[in-house]
Each structure stands twice: as structure tokens, then as C-alpha cells.
């Protein structure tokens, strides 16, 4: 929640962009501060896409993916990429970035 709120604040002073995307990575559910739902309720995040990268570590990866889908993802085409563990993070991050860039190329004129 804190990260989403902070990103919303940064977007208010950022240069205008065609797309605004927040990438959230984590190895567990929110356990500090306010929940993502409160950020979506109280910060200007309309039109912002939020993608996630779930890292298998402290909780079951399947449960974490469900959590990210239910609580964190936002916007059309939002998705969760999965890293089996920290050693798999680089591969998963690369794949996530490629998916984000590919959607722009396909949608381009």
C-alpha cells in the first residue's frame, strides 16, 4: 500500500506519459502499513496499470500469485510474473519487462 501511494504521489509531478505503470515485486503479502485496497481508495491511481512479480520464498508461490491477482493487480492487461526463488529473479524480471514492452509494440500504430 505504501509503495502504491508513494508512486501515485510521484506520478502527480512526473512528466506526462502515454502510459503509467507501477511494478510491484515481493516474496510475501503486505505485512507493514496500509493495504493496497486503501491506496487504491485514497490515492489518484485511475488509469495506472499495476503489474507484479511474485518471488517464491517465504510463502507458497501459488498463494502469493492469488494474493497479487486479488489485491495488487490493476488496469487492463495487468499481470503477475513468477520467479521460483531469488536465483530466478533476473530471468523473471527480464520476462516481465519484455511482456510490458511487447504490449506497447503490438498496440502501436
Protein backbone atom coordinates (compact mmCIF):
# COMPACT_ATOMS: atom_id res chain seq x y z
CA UNK A 1 0.00 0.00 0.00
CA UNK A 2 2.76 2.45 0.92
CA UNK A 3 4.59 1.83 -2.35
CA UNK A 4 1.41 2.38 -4.38
CA UNK A 5 0.66 5.61 -2.51
CA UNK A 6 4.21 6.84 -2.98
CA UNK A 7 4.11 6.05 -6.70
CA UNK A 8 0.80 7.92 -7.06
CA UNK A 9 2.41 10.96 -5.43
CA UNK A 10 5.40 10.77 -7.79
CA UNK A 11 3.10 10.48 -10.82
CA UNK A 12 1.48 13.81 -9.88
CA UNK A 13 4.74 15.67 -10.56
CA UNK A 14 6.12 13.43 -13.32
CA UNK A 15 6.10 14.49 -16.97
CA UNK A 16 3.02 13.50 -18.94
CA UNK A 17 3.23 9.97 -20.37
CA UNK A 18 1.06 7.87 -22.63
CA UNK A 19 1.09 5.06 -20.04
CA UNK A 20 1.67 4.95 -16.31
CA UNK A 21 2.75 1.60 -14.90
CA UNK A 22 3.79 0.53 -11.42
CA UNK A 23 5.75 -2.69 -10.95
CA UNK A 24 5.44 -4.38 -7.56
CA UNK A 25 7.80 -7.22 -6.61
CA UNK A 26 7.56 -9.24 -3.44
CA UNK A 27 8.02 -12.54 -1.68
CA UNK A 28 5.00 -12.26 0.61
CA UNK A 29 1.77 -10.47 1.33
CA UNK A 30 1.62 -6.92 2.67
CA UNK A 31 2.68 -7.00 6.33
CA UNK A 32 3.53 -3.37 7.03
CA UNK A 33 1.46 -0.22 6.66
CA UNK A 34 -1.85 0.03 4.88
CA UNK A 35 -3.22 -2.50 2.41
CA UNK A 36 -3.20 -1.96 -1.37
CA UNK A 37 -7.00 -1.53 -1.29
CA UNK A 38 -6.62 1.62 0.83
CA UNK A 39 -4.06 3.02 -1.60
CA UNK A 40 -6.48 2.45 -4.48
CA UNK A 41 -9.23 4.16 -2.49
CA UNK A 42 -7.27 7.20 -1.33
CA UNK A 43 -4.66 7.97 -3.99
CA UNK A 44 -5.15 9.08 -7.61
CA UNK A 45 -4.41 5.78 -9.36
CA UNK A 46 -7.10 5.84 -12.04
CA UNK A 47 -5.56 4.99 -15.38
CA UNK A 48 -2.46 3.45 -13.76
CA UNK A 49 -1.60 -0.17 -14.52
CA UNK A 50 -0.05 -2.21 -11.71
CA UNK A 51 1.86 -5.39 -12.59
CA UNK A 52 3.53 -7.74 -10.13
CA UNK A 53 6.47 -10.10 -9.83
CA UNK A 54 5.90 -12.84 -7.24
CA UNK A 55 9.05 -14.36 -5.75
CA UNK A 56 8.76 -17.83 -4.23
CA UNK A 57 10.39 -17.75 -0.84
CA UNK A 58 8.60 -17.24 2.47
CA UNK A 59 5.06 -18.23 1.41
CA UNK A 60 3.67 -20.70 -1.10
CA UNK A 61 4.10 -19.27 -4.58
CA UNK A 62 0.59 -20.27 -5.67
CA UNK A 63 -0.90 -18.41 -2.69
CA UNK A 64 1.23 -15.37 -3.44
CA UNK A 65 0.09 -15.26 -7.06
CA UNK A 66 -3.53 -15.41 -5.89
CA UNK A 67 -2.84 -12.59 -3.42
CA UNK A 68 -1.24 -10.38 -6.09
CA UNK A 69 -4.12 -11.04 -8.51
CA UNK A 70 -6.74 -10.31 -5.86
CA UNK A 71 -5.13 -7.37 -4.05
CA UNK A 72 -2.44 -5.73 -6.18
CA UNK A 73 -3.04 -6.01 -9.95
CA UNK A 74 -4.88 -3.13 -11.55
CA UNK A 75 -5.66 -1.98 -15.04
CA UNK A 76 -6.22 -3.58 -18.42
CA UNK A 77 -3.71 -6.29 -19.23
CA UNK A 78 -2.18 -6.27 -15.73
CA UNK A 79 -0.31 -9.49 -14.97
CA UNK A 80 1.79 -11.40 -12.44
CA UNK A 81 5.17 -12.77 -13.48
CA UNK A 82 6.63 -15.55 -11.31
CA UNK A 83 10.17 -16.14 -10.03
CA UNK A 84 10.59 -19.57 -8.45
CA UNK A 85 13.08 -18.08 -5.95
CA UNK A 86 15.63 -15.27 -5.68
CA UNK A 87 18.02 -17.06 -8.03
CA UNK A 88 15.24 -16.96 -10.67
CA UNK A 89 14.56 -13.22 -10.16
CA UNK A 90 16.72 -11.99 -13.05
CA UNK A 91 15.00 -14.28 -15.57
CA UNK A 92 11.55 -13.36 -14.28
CA UNK A 93 12.30 -9.61 -14.28
CA UNK A 94 13.57 -9.79 -17.85
CA UNK A 95 10.43 -11.67 -18.92
CA UNK A 96 8.19 -9.15 -17.13
CA UNK A 97 9.89 -6.22 -18.84
CA UNK A 98 9.68 -7.94 -22.23
CA UNK A 99 5.95 -8.53 -21.71
CA UNK A 100 5.42 -4.86 -20.84
CA UNK A 101 7.39 -3.59 -23.83
CA UNK A 102 5.81 -6.11 -26.23
CA UNK A 103 2.33 -4.88 -25.37
CA UNK A 104 3.35 -1.37 -26.46
CA UNK A 105 4.81 -2.61 -29.75
CA UNK A 106 1.72 -4.66 -30.57
CA UNK A 107 -0.57 -1.80 -29.64
CA UNK A 108 1.48 0.80 -31.53
CA UNK A 109 0.39 2.41 -34.76
